[in-house]
C-alpha atoms as a PDB file:
ATOM      1  CA  MET A   1     -33.838 -22.639 -68.836  1.00  0.00           C
ATOM      2  CA  HIS A   2     -35.374 -24.726 -66.246  1.00  0.00           C
ATOM      3  CA  CYS A   3     -36.387 -22.839 -63.312  1.00  0.00           C
ATOM      4  CA  ASN A   4     -39.308 -23.230 -60.778  1.00  0.00           C
ATOM      5  CA  GLN A   5     -41.815 -21.562 -58.479  1.00  0.00           C
ATOM      6  CA  THR A   6     -44.295 -22.364 -55.447  1.00  0.00           C
ATOM      7  CA  LYS A   7     -47.948 -21.854 -56.105  1.00  0.00           C
ATOM      8  CA  ASN A   8     -50.331 -20.018 -53.956  1.00  0.00           C
ATOM      9  CA  ARG A   9     -52.425 -21.916 -51.555  1.00  0.00           C
ATOM     10  CA  ILE A  10     -55.611 -22.886 -52.503  1.00  0.00           C
ATOM     11  CA  ALA A  11     -58.688 -22.570 -49.776  1.00  0.00           C
ATOM     12  CA  THR A  12     -60.605 -25.906 -49.833  1.00  0.00           C
ATOM     13  CA  PRO A  13     -60.068 -29.336 -47.740  1.00  0.00           C
ATOM     14  CA  PHE A  14     -57.867 -30.869 -49.999  1.00  0.00           C
ATOM     15  CA  GLY A  15     -55.738 -27.672 -51.280  1.00  0.00           C
ATOM     16  CA  ASP A  16     -52.770 -28.211 -49.495  1.00  0.00           C
ATOM     17  CA  PHE A  17     -52.284 -31.144 -50.726  1.00  0.00           C
ATOM     18  CA  GLN A  18     -53.352 -30.969 -54.249  1.00  0.00           C
ATOM     19  CA  VAL A  19     -50.950 -27.552 -54.491  1.00  0.00           C
ATOM     20  CA  ASP A  20     -48.216 -29.197 -52.829  1.00  0.00           C
ATOM     21  CA  VAL A  21     -48.615 -32.355 -55.556  1.00  0.00           C
ATOM     22  CA  GLU A  22     -48.550 -30.349 -58.299  1.00  0.00           C
ATOM     23  CA  ASN A  23     -45.639 -28.087 -56.760  1.00  0.00           C
ATOM     24  CA  LEU A  24     -43.484 -31.264 -56.537  1.00  0.00           C
ATOM     25  CA  PHE A  25     -44.249 -32.183 -59.908  1.00  0.00           C
ATOM     26  CA  GLU A  26     -43.734 -28.843 -61.589  1.00  0.00           C
ATOM     27  CA  GLN A  27     -40.531 -28.563 -59.504  1.00  0.00           C
ATOM     28  CA  PHE A  28     -39.353 -31.984 -61.315  1.00  0.00           C
ATOM     29  CA  PHE A  29     -40.705 -31.339 -64.516  1.00  0.00           C
ATOM     30  CA  GLY A  30     -41.752 -28.197 -65.241  1.00  0.00           C
ATOM     31  CA  ASP A  31     -40.286 -24.582 -65.487  1.00  0.00           C
ATOM     32  CA  ARG A  32     -41.778 -22.714 -62.821  1.00  0.00           C
ATOM     33  CA  PRO A  33     -39.003 -20.030 -60.754  1.00  0.00           C
ATOM     34  CA  VAL A  34     -38.559 -21.324 -56.846  1.00  0.00           C
ATOM     35  CA  ALA A  35     -37.099 -18.636 -54.522  1.00  0.00           C
ATOM     36  CA  PRO A  36     -34.499 -19.682 -52.119  1.00  0.00           C
ATOM     37  CA  GLN A  37     -36.121 -18.613 -48.367  1.00  0.00           C
ATOM     38  CA  GLY A  38     -35.876 -14.698 -48.519  1.00  0.00           C
ATOM     39  CA  ARG A  39     -35.767 -13.938 -52.159  1.00  0.00           C
ATOM     40  CA  TRP A  40     -38.370 -13.481 -54.614  1.00  0.00           C
ATOM     41  CA  LEU A  41     -38.323 -13.443 -58.349  1.00  0.00           C
ATOM     42  CA  PRO A  42     -39.308 -11.334 -60.784  1.00  0.00           C
ATOM     43  CA  HIS A  43     -41.763 -12.868 -63.714  1.00  0.00           C
ATOM     44  CA  THR A  44     -39.788 -13.261 -67.090  1.00  0.00           C
ATOM     45  CA  ASN A  45     -40.393 -13.480 -70.902  1.00  0.00           C
ATOM     46  CA  ILE A  46     -37.665 -14.886 -73.091  1.00  0.00           C
ATOM     47  CA  SER A  47     -38.016 -14.526 -76.755  1.00  0.00           C
ATOM     48  CA  GLU A  48     -35.799 -15.541 -79.643  1.00  0.00           C
ATOM     49  CA  SER A  49     -35.413 -14.032 -83.082  1.00  0.00           C
ATOM     50  CA  ASP A  50     -32.873 -15.217 -86.106  1.00  0.00           C
ATOM     51  CA  THR A  51     -30.423 -12.562 -84.825  1.00  0.00           C
ATOM     52  CA  ALA A  52     -31.123 -11.726 -80.895  1.00  0.00           C
ATOM     53  CA  TYR A  53     -32.592 -13.502 -77.705  1.00  0.00           C
ATOM     54  CA  ARG A  54     -34.841 -10.641 -76.003  1.00  0.00           C
ATOM     55  CA  VAL A  55     -35.755 -10.731 -72.166  1.00  0.00           C
ATOM     56  CA  SER A  56     -38.059  -8.761 -70.248  1.00  0.00           C
ATOM     57  CA  ILE A  57     -38.312  -8.702 -66.641  1.00  0.00           C
ATOM     58  CA  GLU A  58     -41.132  -7.414 -64.651  1.00  0.00           C
ATOM     59  CA  LEU A  59     -39.685  -5.080 -61.867  1.00  0.00           C
ATOM     60  CA  ALA A  60     -42.258  -2.693 -60.645  1.00  0.00           C
ATOM     61  CA  GLY A  61     -41.364  -0.679 -57.461  1.00  0.00           C
ATOM     62  CA  VAL A  62     -37.419  -1.554 -58.027  1.00  0.00           C
ATOM     63  CA  LYS A  63     -35.503   1.634 -58.640  1.00  0.00           C
ATOM     64  CA  PRO A  64     -33.318   1.047 -62.117  1.00  0.00           C
ATOM     65  CA  ALA A  65     -29.660   1.914 -59.657  1.00  0.00           C
ATOM     66  CA  ASP A  66     -30.876  -1.247 -57.326  1.00  0.00           C
ATOM     67  CA  VAL A  67     -30.218  -3.577 -60.801  1.00  0.00           C
ATOM     68  CA  THR A  68     -27.162  -5.489 -61.737  1.00  0.00           C
ATOM     69  CA  VAL A  69     -27.141  -7.137 -65.224  1.00  0.00           C
ATOM     70  CA  GLU A  70     -24.334  -9.515 -65.942  1.00  0.00           C
ATOM     71  CA  MET A  71     -23.094 -11.764 -68.266  1.00  0.00           C
ATOM     72  CA  HIS A  72     -20.468 -14.637 -67.553  1.00  0.00           C
ATOM     73  CA  ASP A  73     -19.561 -17.601 -69.704  1.00  0.00           C
ATOM     74  CA  GLY A  74     -22.668 -17.471 -71.348  1.00  0.00           C
ATOM     75  CA  VAL A  75     -25.049 -16.993 -68.642  1.00  0.00           C
ATOM     76  CA  LEU A  76     -26.923 -13.714 -68.193  1.00  0.00           C
ATOM     77  CA  GLU A  77     -27.328 -13.058 -64.459  1.00  0.00           C
ATOM     78  CA  VAL A  78     -29.595 -10.198 -63.172  1.00  0.00           C
ATOM     79  CA  SER A  79     -29.885  -9.454 -59.220  1.00  0.00           C
ATOM     80  CA  GLY A  80     -31.083  -6.522 -57.479  1.00  0.00           C
ATOM     81  CA  THR A  81     -33.391  -5.371 -54.316  1.00  0.00           C
ATOM     82  CA  ARG A  82     -37.026  -4.236 -54.034  1.00  0.00           C
ATOM     83  CA  GLU A  83     -37.481  -2.311 -50.919  1.00  0.00           C
ATOM     84  CA  LYS A  84     -40.052  -3.110 -48.602  1.00  0.00           C
ATOM     85  CA  ALA A  85     -43.239  -0.401 -49.123  1.00  0.00           C
ATOM     86  CA  GLU A  86     -43.224   1.594 -45.674  1.00  0.00           C
ATOM     87  CA  LEU A  87     -46.740   2.545 -44.588  1.00  0.00           C
ATOM     88  CA  PRO A  88     -47.521   5.888 -42.744  1.00  0.00           C
ATOM     89  CA  GLU A  89     -47.972   6.383 -38.890  1.00  0.00           C
ATOM     90  CA  GLY A  90     -51.585   4.580 -38.145  1.00  0.00           C
ATOM     91  CA  VAL A  91     -51.798   2.533 -41.150  1.00  0.00           C
ATOM     92  CA  ARG A  92     -52.157  -1.192 -41.400  1.00  0.00           C
ATOM     93  CA  ALA A  93     -51.674  -3.668 -43.930  1.00  0.00           C
ATOM     94  CA  LEU A  94     -54.766  -5.999 -44.795  1.00  0.00           C
ATOM     95  CA  LYS A  95     -53.224  -7.697 -47.560  1.00  0.00           C
ATOM     96  CA  VAL A  96     -49.502  -7.742 -48.972  1.00  0.00           C
ATOM     97  CA  GLU A  97     -48.677  -9.441 -52.058  1.00  0.00           C
ATOM     98  CA  GLN A  98     -45.738  -7.663 -53.729  1.00  0.00           C
ATOM     99  CA  ARG A  99     -42.534  -9.326 -52.660  1.00  0.00           C
ATOM    100  CA  SER A 100     -39.344  -7.165 -51.402  1.00  0.00           C
ATOM    101  CA  GLY A 101     -35.930  -8.148 -50.951  1.00  0.00           C
ATOM    102  CA  GLU A 102     -33.088  -9.493 -52.929  1.00  0.00           C
ATOM    103  CA  PHE A 103     -33.819 -11.214 -56.458  1.00  0.00           C
ATOM    104  CA  ARG A 104     -31.814 -13.268 -58.508  1.00  0.00           C
ATOM    105  CA  ARG A 105     -32.432 -14.628 -62.091  1.00  0.00           C
ATOM    106  CA  LYS A 106     -29.913 -16.950 -63.976  1.00  0.00           C
ATOM    107  CA  PHE A 107     -30.406 -17.583 -67.827  1.00  0.00           C
ATOM    108  CA  GLU A 108     -28.187 -19.640 -70.086  1.00  0.00           C
ATOM    109  CA  PHE A 109     -28.847 -19.288 -73.720  1.00  0.00           C
ATOM    110  CA  PRO A 110     -28.216 -22.218 -76.308  1.00  0.00           C
ATOM    111  CA  THR A 111     -26.712 -20.214 -78.961  1.00  0.00           C
ATOM    112  CA  LEU A 112     -23.384 -18.111 -78.444  1.00  0.00           C
ATOM    113  CA  VAL A 113     -24.593 -14.464 -77.510  1.00  0.00           C
ATOM    114  CA  ASP A 114     -22.452 -11.161 -78.563  1.00  0.00           C
ATOM    115  CA  ALA A 115     -21.395 -10.122 -74.738  1.00  0.00           C
ATOM    116  CA  ASP A 116     -20.008  -6.705 -75.817  1.00  0.00           C
ATOM    117  CA  ALA A 117     -23.779  -5.774 -78.170  1.00  0.00           C
ATOM    118  CA  ILE A 118     -25.809  -6.474 -75.170  1.00  0.00           C
ATOM    119  CA  GLU A 119     -28.022  -3.683 -74.449  1.00  0.00           C
ATOM    120  CA  ALA A 120     -30.290  -2.976 -71.613  1.00  0.00           C
ATOM    121  CA  ALA A 121     -33.341  -0.772 -71.044  1.00  0.00           C
ATOM    122  CA  TYR A 122     -35.543  -0.058 -68.246  1.00  0.00           C
ATOM    123  CA  GLU A 123     -38.824   1.848 -69.037  1.00  0.00           C
ATOM    124  CA  ASN A 124     -42.435   1.527 -67.207  1.00  0.00           C
ATOM    125  CA  GLY A 125     -41.027  -1.561 -64.255  1.00  0.00           C
ATOM    126  CA  VAL A 126     -40.046  -3.217 -66.724  1.00  0.00           C
ATOM    127  CA  LEU A 127     -36.047  -4.185 -67.606  1.00  0.00           C
ATOM    128  CA  SER A 128     -35.882  -5.416 -71.650  1.00  0.00           C
ATOM    129  CA  ILE A 129     -32.217  -7.027 -72.354  1.00  0.00           C
ATOM    130  CA  GLU A 130     -31.436  -7.499 -75.748  1.00  0.00           C
ATOM    131  CA  LEU A 131     -28.464  -9.914 -76.203  1.00  0.00           C
ATOM    132  CA  PRO A 132     -27.327 -10.137 -80.319  1.00  0.00           C
ATOM    133  CA  LYS A 133     -26.385 -13.676 -81.226  1.00  0.00           C
ATOM    134  CA  SER A 134     -22.612 -13.978 -82.080  1.00  0.00           C
ATOM    135  CA  GLU A 135     -21.842 -13.404 -85.689  1.00  0.00           C
ATOM    136  CA  LYS A 136     -20.375 -17.162 -85.443  1.00  0.00           C
ATOM    137  CA  VAL A 137     -23.443 -18.638 -85.415  1.00  0.00           C
ATOM    138  CA  LEU A 138     -25.672 -16.595 -87.637  1.00  0.00           C
ATOM    139  CA  PRO A 139     -26.432 -17.907 -91.326  1.00  0.00           C
ATOM    140  CA  ARG A 140     -24.215 -16.277 -93.987  1.00  0.00           C
ATOM    141  CA  LYS A 141     -24.629 -16.471 -97.698  1.00  0.00           C
ATOM    142  CA  ILE A 142     -21.776 -17.931 -99.260  1.00  0.00           C
ATOM    143  CA  ASN A 143     -20.531 -16.536-102.496  1.00  0.00           C
ATOM    144  CA  ILE A 144     -19.790 -19.396-105.369  1.00  0.00           C
ATOM    145  CA  LYS A 145     -16.970 -18.404-107.597  1.00  0.00           C
ATOM    146  CA  VAL A 146     -17.571 -19.710-111.134  1.00  0.00           C
ATOM    147  CA  ALA A 147     -13.915 -21.102-112.855  1.00  0.00           C
ATOM    148  CA  GLU A 148     -13.689 -19.712-116.485  1.00  0.00           C
END
């Protein structure tokens, strides 16, 4: 799973240059997500056990109804939209760091996943997706028949 992301600018005389060089190396070698123009990428954690993968995606401020989770040809795709926060009349924003608009993340897994058994849950702004590994790839014990 290889993704890229642009870093925040550093306020130093060489900050822009340093960040640009770091971004270049991370886009080529790293695993930081880069969003296409006009999109944002939620932070994601992926873990693996012997029997399943678990994907956790931070989606604070995103309504569960605005999220789609799909599995196609071994690729998990999570997409959706976070609405821009509206300010009351007479109030102006001094700093806005929360991104809004569309997001889309795709993850390919190295082991077959049982697509029919995938479960997703949304709690406290975190989407958790459990992807059980296919029975075909799970280790199994082979009984030995003894000849008499």
